[in-house]
């Protein structure tokens, strides 16, 4: 059966910033079967019709997240990344139980859906429990099996075996991947093995790269190469590779990314909060490097709201280049939608076009933030510069409504908040 949506406008989520006024979008079997102006729409027939007074936009794609870190939101405030990890995060994470991770991921997934984020790329412990959480909320997730040398998680060989065992066991909601933490925490031979396994099984491989100025200092002193150069030299690049952050990249590093078609998860909120630096976003885009927006974990951002990150990305790009045209409003929105989907190799997501998955977000335009509108493209401009996730009223994944009137339809968020609070205090030793 066809489910027809009508809206004031459809924002497609492409780089050009296409906006279709007085729009109709049809969904059949979880996919978009038609989209365009109402005057050109096929007869509705016996379709179920949902009339939306605002803008219909694509579900956003969060390319880099450690969402269960809602357990640590706001903790370690004011510390730089190395101390933040060593003194606050890793000691608490050592106490995590699988149940902690599932509860926290459920709460975080519901939060993202309320913000209009329908898909996230996750790198965290107990991936099978994160997958269960995503299935419970109705979201989508690219759940990567972490590789990191911490007590309690087995050898690197055991961690990698779990990752490859999951290959081919995903479904419409959960795709599996491999997530070695970084070149400074995972031995280079293990990174090579992980990349080989990812290519063999068609999995996304994501790892932190060049987030801070000092993280690669030891590797540079030992090998005389930057982290991107080391990854290339050890056959880590190639296939579906996504580098998170990529803040401190010189021209040679960016050229390697272009040569190997490595994508970037751009996390401006986390990068600014931890004072990690400002990525060369404009240079990346001009080189044709695939880039998508990411929030990073909610302990270093401190939220999971891509509306805020895409706005910050545009502001920082313009400030860095001292050019008010350095990143346009359509490009900024595209980085959280169509570009983000392309960055993770998921061309079935991120845009409202025929054949893609019907992951939809209804944004209320009955607000002063949407005034004035002289041209229909002003709606997209307002989405980027004036509007926040507070204006999201409904979210659908594969045509199924998972947020209605700004609240989850699948889980009890108040109960989850209380549970996260209790668990967070236990992990903090209180």
Protein backbone atom coordinates (compact mmCIF):
# COMPACT_ATOMS: atom_id res chain seq x y z
CA UNK A 1 0.00 0.00 0.00
CA UNK A 2 1.17 3.52 -0.81
CA UNK A 3 1.59 6.08 1.98
CA UNK A 4 1.41 9.61 0.60
CA UNK A 5 2.94 12.60 2.38
CA UNK A 6 2.07 16.15 1.41
CA UNK A 7 4.13 19.08 2.68
CA UNK A 8 4.72 22.79 2.26
CA UNK A 9 8.01 21.78 0.66
CA UNK A 10 10.42 18.89 0.28
CA UNK A 11 14.12 19.60 0.85
CA UNK A 12 15.88 16.93 -1.20
CA UNK A 13 19.27 16.94 0.56
CA UNK A 14 21.44 17.26 -2.55
CA UNK A 15 24.44 19.56 -2.99
CA UNK A 16 22.51 21.96 -5.21
CA UNK A 17 19.97 22.59 -2.43
CA UNK A 18 16.90 21.51 -4.39
CA UNK A 19 13.63 22.49 -2.71
CA UNK A 20 10.28 21.31 -4.13
CA UNK A 21 7.37 23.55 -3.06
CA UNK A 22 3.84 22.24 -2.46
CA UNK A 23 5.25 18.75 -2.58
CA UNK A 24 4.04 15.17 -2.59
CA UNK A 25 6.14 12.18 -1.58
CA UNK A 26 4.91 8.60 -1.89
CA UNK A 27 6.28 5.67 0.10
CA UNK A 28 5.84 2.04 -0.81
CA UNK A 29 7.47 -0.91 0.97
CA UNK A 30 9.72 1.45 2.90
CA UNK A 31 11.10 3.15 -0.22
CA UNK A 32 10.32 6.47 -1.90
CA UNK A 33 8.28 5.68 -5.01
CA UNK A 34 7.48 9.23 -6.16
CA UNK A 35 8.39 12.77 -5.19
CA UNK A 36 7.60 16.08 -6.84
CA UNK A 37 5.14 18.99 -7.05
CA UNK A 38 1.56 18.21 -6.07
CA UNK A 39 0.32 19.42 -9.46
CA UNK A 40 2.28 16.62 -11.15
CA UNK A 41 1.60 13.82 -8.66
CA UNK A 42 -0.07 10.60 -9.77
CA UNK A 43 -3.61 9.98 -8.51
CA UNK A 44 -3.69 9.19 -4.80
CA UNK A 45 -6.10 6.31 -5.26
CA UNK A 46 -6.54 4.48 -1.95
CA UNK A 47 -3.20 5.70 -0.54
CA UNK A 48 -3.01 6.63 3.11
CA UNK A 49 -2.40 10.39 3.18
CA UNK A 50 -0.45 12.29 5.83
CA UNK A 51 -0.70 16.05 5.38
CA UNK A 52 2.26 17.89 6.91
CA UNK A 53 2.10 21.68 7.25
CA UNK A 54 5.89 22.14 7.32
CA UNK A 55 9.01 21.00 5.48
CA UNK A 56 9.80 17.35 4.77
CA UNK A 57 13.57 16.69 4.88
CA UNK A 58 15.76 13.59 4.68
CA UNK A 59 16.69 11.74 7.82
CA UNK A 60 20.17 12.94 8.75
CA UNK A 61 23.19 10.62 8.81
CA UNK A 62 25.59 10.95 11.75
CA UNK A 63 28.91 9.66 10.40
CA UNK A 64 30.75 9.43 13.72
CA UNK A 65 29.29 8.71 17.13
CA UNK A 66 29.97 6.95 20.41
CA UNK A 67 26.35 7.37 21.44
CA UNK A 68 26.36 5.28 24.66
CA UNK A 69 28.65 7.94 26.11
CA UNK A 70 25.47 9.74 27.17
CA UNK A 71 26.51 8.05 30.42
CA UNK A 72 29.40 10.52 30.63
CA UNK A 73 27.81 13.65 29.23
CA UNK A 74 29.48 16.74 30.65
CA UNK A 75 32.11 14.80 32.57
CA UNK A 76 35.75 15.85 32.40
CA UNK A 77 34.73 19.38 31.46
CA UNK A 78 37.66 21.60 30.55
CA UNK A 79 40.23 18.86 30.00
CA UNK A 80 42.16 18.40 26.74
CA UNK A 81 41.59 15.17 24.84
CA UNK A 82 44.49 13.12 26.26
CA UNK A 83 43.66 13.90 29.90
CA UNK A 84 39.92 13.66 29.21
CA UNK A 85 40.41 10.09 27.94
CA UNK A 86 42.99 8.88 30.44
CA UNK A 87 41.69 10.50 33.61
CA UNK A 88 37.92 10.42 33.14
CA UNK A 89 36.59 8.37 30.22
CA UNK A 90 38.68 5.21 30.16
CA UNK A 91 38.57 4.58 33.96
CA UNK A 92 34.77 4.81 33.88
CA UNK A 93 34.45 2.78 30.70
CA UNK A 94 36.41 -0.02 32.38
CA UNK A 95 33.39 -0.50 34.67
CA UNK A 96 30.80 -0.70 31.88
CA UNK A 97 28.45 -3.66 31.67
CA UNK A 98 26.68 -4.79 28.50
CA UNK A 99 23.41 -3.64 30.07
CA UNK A 100 24.85 -0.16 30.65
CA UNK A 101 25.68 0.10 26.96
CA UNK A 102 22.29 -1.11 25.74
CA UNK A 103 20.33 1.24 28.00
CA UNK A 104 22.55 4.20 27.09
CA UNK A 105 22.41 3.43 23.36
CA UNK A 106 18.61 3.17 23.51
CA UNK A 107 18.36 6.57 25.17
CA UNK A 108 20.84 8.11 22.73
CA UNK A 109 19.14 6.59 19.70
CA UNK A 110 15.78 8.03 20.78
CA UNK A 111 17.49 11.40 21.29
CA UNK A 112 18.94 11.33 17.77
CA UNK A 113 15.58 10.43 16.23
CA UNK A 114 14.01 13.43 17.98
CA UNK A 115 16.76 15.55 16.40
CA UNK A 116 16.00 14.16 12.94
CA UNK A 117 19.02 11.82 12.84
CA UNK A 118 17.84 8.47 11.51
CA UNK A 119 21.21 6.74 10.93
CA UNK A 120 24.42 6.82 12.96
CA UNK A 121 27.84 5.23 12.59
CA UNK A 122 28.74 3.88 16.01
CA UNK A 123 32.09 2.89 17.47
CA UNK A 124 31.75 1.57 21.01
CA UNK A 125 31.88 -1.46 23.26
CA UNK A 126 29.36 -4.34 23.18
CA UNK A 127 28.19 -3.74 19.61
CA UNK A 128 25.59 -6.48 19.76
CA UNK A 129 23.83 -4.62 22.57
CA UNK A 130 23.97 -1.39 20.56
CA UNK A 131 22.34 -3.19 17.65
CA UNK A 132 19.56 -4.37 19.95
CA UNK A 133 19.00 -0.79 21.08
CA UNK A 134 18.77 0.55 17.53
CA UNK A 135 16.28 -2.13 16.60
CA UNK A 136 14.21 -1.19 19.65
CA UNK A 137 13.99 2.52 18.83
CA UNK A 138 13.39 1.93 15.12
CA UNK A 139 16.50 3.80 13.95
CA UNK A 140 19.28 2.65 11.64
CA UNK A 141 22.88 2.07 12.67
CA UNK A 142 26.20 1.18 11.14
CA UNK A 143 27.53 -0.61 14.21
CA UNK A 144 31.28 -1.11 14.10
CA UNK A 145 33.07 -3.70 16.21
CA UNK A 146 35.70 -1.79 18.19
CA UNK A 147 39.37 -2.75 18.21
CA UNK A 148 41.16 -1.36 21.23
CA UNK A 149 43.70 -2.67 23.70
CA UNK A 150 41.75 -2.33 26.94
CA UNK A 151 41.31 -5.00 29.63
CA UNK A 152 38.23 -7.17 29.42
CA UNK A 153 37.67 -7.09 25.67
CA UNK A 154 39.95 -9.91 24.57
CA UNK A 155 42.95 -9.95 22.26
CA UNK A 156 42.99 -8.06 19.00
CA UNK A 157 42.62 -11.37 17.17
CA UNK A 158 39.51 -12.17 19.19
CA UNK A 159 38.06 -8.71 18.61
CA UNK A 160 38.68 -8.95 14.87
CA UNK A 161 37.17 -12.43 14.73
CA UNK A 162 33.97 -11.11 16.28
CA UNK A 163 33.88 -8.37 13.67
CA UNK A 164 34.26 -10.71 10.72
CA UNK A 165 31.79 -13.22 12.19
CA UNK A 166 29.10 -10.52 12.02
CA UNK A 167 29.66 -9.89 8.30
CA UNK A 168 26.56 -10.70 6.31
CA UNK A 169 24.30 -10.87 9.38
CA UNK A 170 22.92 -7.34 9.17
CA UNK A 171 19.42 -6.31 8.21
CA UNK A 172 17.51 -3.23 7.09
CA UNK A 173 18.24 -1.49 10.39
CA UNK A 174 21.73 -2.68 11.31
CA UNK A 175 24.85 -2.79 9.14
CA UNK A 176 28.06 -4.09 10.70
CA UNK A 177 31.54 -2.58 10.35
CA UNK A 178 34.97 -2.52 11.94
CA UNK A 179 36.16 0.32 14.18
CA UNK A 180 39.81 0.23 15.24
CA UNK A 181 40.21 3.15 17.61
CA UNK A 182 43.32 4.76 16.10
CA UNK A 183 46.88 4.22 14.93
CA UNK A 184 48.17 5.37 18.31
CA UNK A 185 46.16 2.77 20.28
CA UNK A 186 46.06 -0.16 17.83
CA UNK A 187 49.25 -1.77 16.44
CA UNK A 188 49.81 -1.11 12.75
CA UNK A 189 49.78 -4.83 11.82
CA UNK A 190 46.34 -5.11 13.43
CA UNK A 191 45.13 -2.14 11.41
CA UNK A 192 46.38 -3.90 8.28
CA UNK A 193 44.48 -7.07 9.21
CA UNK A 194 41.35 -5.07 9.95
CA UNK A 195 41.51 -3.31 6.59
CA UNK A 196 42.01 -6.60 4.75
CA UNK A 197 38.99 -8.08 6.53
CA UNK A 198 36.87 -5.02 5.81
CA UNK A 199 37.70 -5.15 2.10
CA UNK A 200 37.09 -8.89 1.94
CA UNK A 201 33.63 -8.58 3.47
CA UNK A 202 32.64 -5.16 2.08
CA UNK A 203 32.51 -3.63 5.56
CA UNK A 204 32.96 0.00 6.53
CA UNK A 205 36.26 0.57 8.34
CA UNK A 206 36.36 3.69 10.49
CA UNK A 207 39.14 5.00 12.71
CA UNK A 208 40.20 8.24 14.41
CA UNK A 209 42.80 10.14 12.38
CA UNK A 210 44.69 13.37 13.11
CA UNK A 211 42.26 14.60 15.74
CA UNK A 212 44.93 16.47 17.73
CA UNK A 213 48.37 17.90 17.04
CA UNK A 214 50.15 15.49 19.39
CA UNK A 215 48.46 12.12 18.97
CA UNK A 216 50.76 11.03 16.13
CA UNK A 217 53.97 12.39 17.63
CA UNK A 218 55.23 9.01 18.82
CA UNK A 219 54.49 7.37 15.48
CA UNK A 220 56.15 10.23 13.60
CA UNK A 221 59.27 9.94 15.77
CA UNK A 222 59.40 6.18 15.28
CA UNK A 223 58.56 5.92 11.58
CA UNK A 224 59.16 9.41 10.17
CA UNK A 225 55.66 9.41 8.65
CA UNK A 226 52.36 11.10 9.45
CA UNK A 227 49.44 8.91 10.46
CA UNK A 228 47.79 9.14 7.00
CA UNK A 229 51.14 8.18 5.42
CA UNK A 230 51.50 5.25 7.82
CA UNK A 231 48.00 4.04 7.03
CA UNK A 232 48.80 4.13 3.32
CA UNK A 233 52.15 2.39 3.84
CA UNK A 234 50.50 -0.40 5.84
CA UNK A 235 47.74 -1.05 3.29
CA UNK A 236 44.97 0.28 5.50
CA UNK A 237 43.51 2.59 2.88
CA UNK A 238 41.31 1.39 0.04
CA UNK A 239 37.78 0.00 0.27
CA UNK A 240 35.20 1.70 2.47
CA UNK A 241 37.42 3.72 4.79
CA UNK A 242 36.11 6.59 6.92
CA UNK A 243 38.56 8.75 8.87
CA UNK A 244 37.05 10.48 11.88
CA UNK A 245 38.04 14.11 12.55
CA UNK A 246 41.04 14.51 10.18
CA UNK A 247 41.76 17.93 11.64
CA UNK A 248 45.54 18.15 11.29
CA UNK A 249 46.14 17.15 7.67
CA UNK A 250 48.76 18.72 5.43
CA UNK A 251 48.55 18.89 1.64
CA UNK A 252 50.23 15.51 1.25
CA UNK A 253 47.81 13.86 3.67
CA UNK A 254 44.79 15.30 1.85
CA UNK A 255 46.20 14.12 -1.46
CA UNK A 256 46.42 10.58 -0.03
CA UNK A 257 42.78 10.84 1.03
CA UNK A 258 41.84 11.92 -2.49
CA UNK A 259 43.96 9.19 -4.10
CA UNK A 260 42.49 6.39 -1.97
CA UNK A 261 38.97 7.89 -1.82
CA UNK A 262 39.01 7.98 1.98
CA UNK A 263 35.95 9.70 3.41
CA UNK A 264 35.96 12.08 6.39
CA UNK A 265 33.62 12.28 9.36
CA UNK A 266 33.73 16.00 10.19
CA UNK A 267 32.96 16.71 13.87
CA UNK A 268 33.20 20.46 14.44
CA UNK A 269 31.30 20.47 17.75
CA UNK A 270 33.65 18.00 19.40
CA UNK A 271 36.72 19.52 17.78
CA UNK A 272 35.91 22.95 19.17
CA UNK A 273 34.86 21.78 22.64
CA UNK A 274 38.09 19.81 23.09
CA UNK A 275 40.12 22.55 21.37
CA UNK A 276 41.41 19.99 18.89
CA UNK A 277 41.47 22.42 15.97
CA UNK A 278 39.57 23.35 12.81
CA UNK A 279 39.54 20.92 9.89
CA UNK A 280 40.32 22.04 6.34
CA UNK A 281 36.76 21.44 5.19
CA UNK A 282 36.81 23.68 2.13
CA UNK A 283 40.07 22.17 0.91
CA UNK A 284 38.65 18.66 1.33
CA UNK A 285 35.53 19.46 -0.66
CA UNK A 286 37.51 21.19 -3.40
CA UNK A 287 39.67 18.07 -3.76
CA UNK A 288 36.57 15.92 -4.13
CA UNK A 289 37.04 14.16 -0.80
CA UNK A 290 33.79 12.74 0.53
CA UNK A 291 32.82 14.42 3.80
CA UNK A 292 29.88 13.85 6.13
CA UNK A 293 28.86 15.46 9.40
CA UNK A 294 29.38 13.70 12.72
CA UNK A 295 28.61 14.61 16.31
CA UNK A 296 31.28 12.43 17.96
CA UNK A 297 30.25 11.17 21.39
CA UNK A 298 27.80 13.07 23.60
CA UNK A 299 30.53 13.39 26.23
CA UNK A 300 32.62 15.59 23.96
CA UNK A 301 30.01 17.60 22.08
CA UNK A 302 27.81 17.37 24.39
CA UNK A 303 24.76 16.45 22.35
CA UNK A 304 23.72 14.43 19.32
CA UNK A 305 22.16 17.26 17.31
CA UNK A 306 23.43 17.51 13.73
CA UNK A 307 21.51 20.75 13.18
CA UNK A 308 23.98 22.40 15.53
CA UNK A 309 27.01 20.74 13.94
CA UNK A 310 26.10 21.60 10.36
CA UNK A 311 25.60 25.24 11.34
CA UNK A 312 28.93 25.27 13.18
CA UNK A 313 30.63 23.62 10.20
CA UNK A 314 29.50 26.47 7.96
CA UNK A 315 30.52 29.11 10.47
CA UNK A 316 33.99 27.63 11.04
CA UNK A 317 34.62 27.12 7.32
CA UNK A 318 33.76 30.76 6.63
CA UNK A 319 35.86 31.97 9.54
CA UNK A 320 38.85 29.81 8.60
CA UNK A 321 38.77 31.00 4.99
CA UNK A 322 37.64 34.53 5.91
CA UNK A 323 35.09 34.12 3.15
CA UNK A 324 31.31 34.28 3.66
CA UNK A 325 30.87 31.99 0.64
CA UNK A 326 33.30 29.30 1.85
CA UNK A 327 30.44 26.92 2.67
CA UNK A 328 26.95 27.62 1.38
CA UNK A 329 23.75 26.80 3.23
CA UNK A 330 22.85 24.05 0.72
CA UNK A 331 26.31 22.50 1.14
CA UNK A 332 26.03 22.61 4.93
CA UNK A 333 22.68 20.79 4.89
CA UNK A 334 23.97 18.33 2.28
CA UNK A 335 26.91 17.45 4.57
CA UNK A 336 24.42 16.06 7.11
CA UNK A 337 22.23 14.30 4.53
CA UNK A 338 23.24 13.29 1.00
CA UNK A 339 26.97 13.83 1.48
CA UNK A 340 26.98 11.98 4.80
CA UNK A 341 25.25 9.00 3.20
CA UNK A 342 27.81 9.00 0.38
CA UNK A 343 30.66 9.25 2.91
CA UNK A 344 29.66 5.93 4.47
CA UNK A 345 28.90 4.28 1.13
CA UNK A 346 25.12 4.27 1.62
CA UNK A 347 23.59 5.77 -1.51
CA UNK A 348 20.21 4.44 -0.38
CA UNK A 349 20.04 7.05 2.39
CA UNK A 350 20.32 10.80 2.84
CA UNK A 351 18.20 12.20 0.01
CA UNK A 352 14.50 12.31 -0.78
CA UNK A 353 14.65 10.82 -4.26
CA UNK A 354 12.91 7.86 -5.86
CA UNK A 355 14.38 4.51 -4.86
CA UNK A 356 15.99 5.66 -1.62
CA UNK A 357 14.79 4.56 1.78
CA UNK A 358 11.91 6.55 3.19
CA UNK A 359 13.70 8.06 6.18
CA UNK A 360 11.84 11.34 6.62
CA UNK A 361 11.84 14.29 9.00
CA UNK A 362 9.00 16.77 9.39
CA UNK A 363 10.19 20.22 10.45
CA UNK A 364 7.53 22.61 11.71
CA UNK A 365 7.62 25.91 9.79
CA UNK A 366 4.92 27.63 11.85
CA UNK A 367 7.54 29.62 13.73
CA UNK A 368 9.14 33.05 13.48
CA UNK A 369 12.39 31.26 12.56
CA UNK A 370 10.83 30.58 9.13
CA UNK A 371 9.84 34.19 8.45
CA UNK A 372 10.28 35.79 5.96
CA UNK A 373 10.16 33.50 2.93
CA UNK A 374 10.57 35.39 -0.32
CA UNK A 375 11.82 32.46 -2.39
CA UNK A 376 11.24 28.77 -1.71
CA UNK A 377 14.99 28.32 -1.24
CA UNK A 378 14.70 30.54 1.85
CA UNK A 379 13.22 27.49 3.58
CA UNK A 380 16.54 25.69 3.24
CA UNK A 381 18.47 28.77 4.32
CA UNK A 382 16.35 28.99 7.45
CA UNK A 383 16.84 25.27 8.13
CA UNK A 384 20.58 25.88 8.28
CA UNK A 385 20.84 29.26 10.00
CA UNK A 386 17.66 29.79 12.02
CA UNK A 387 16.15 26.45 12.90
CA UNK A 388 17.13 23.84 15.46
CA UNK A 389 16.09 20.31 16.25
CA UNK A 390 13.38 21.77 18.52
CA UNK A 391 11.38 22.29 15.33
CA UNK A 392 11.41 18.56 14.44
CA UNK A 393 7.87 17.28 14.97
CA UNK A 394 7.95 13.87 13.30
CA UNK A 395 10.46 11.29 12.11
CA UNK A 396 9.89 8.20 9.97
CA UNK A 397 12.31 5.35 9.23
CA UNK A 398 11.40 3.23 6.20
CA UNK A 399 8.00 4.91 6.34
CA UNK A 400 7.39 3.90 9.97
CA UNK A 401 6.78 6.79 12.36
CA UNK A 402 9.23 6.69 15.26
CA UNK A 403 8.78 10.28 16.51
CA UNK A 404 5.37 11.95 16.79
CA UNK A 405 4.82 15.45 18.14
CA UNK A 406 8.45 15.59 19.18
CA UNK A 407 8.40 12.38 21.27
CA UNK A 408 9.46 8.80 20.65
CA UNK A 409 6.72 6.38 19.66
CA UNK A 410 8.80 3.30 20.47
CA UNK A 411 10.43 3.78 23.89
CA UNK A 412 9.73 5.51 27.21
CA UNK A 413 12.28 8.33 27.24
CA UNK A 414 11.54 9.42 30.81
CA UNK A 415 12.22 5.92 32.09
CA UNK A 416 15.43 5.76 30.06
CA UNK A 417 16.65 9.10 31.43
CA UNK A 418 16.19 7.87 34.98
CA UNK A 419 18.01 4.63 34.20
CA UNK A 420 20.93 6.46 32.57
CA UNK A 421 21.21 8.75 35.60
CA UNK A 422 21.46 5.81 37.99
CA UNK A 423 24.03 3.99 35.89
CA UNK A 424 26.10 7.13 35.29
CA UNK A 425 26.38 7.79 39.03
CA UNK A 426 27.52 4.21 39.64
CA UNK A 427 30.23 4.52 36.99
CA UNK A 428 31.36 7.82 38.50
CA UNK A 429 31.71 6.10 41.88
CA UNK A 430 28.94 8.08 43.57
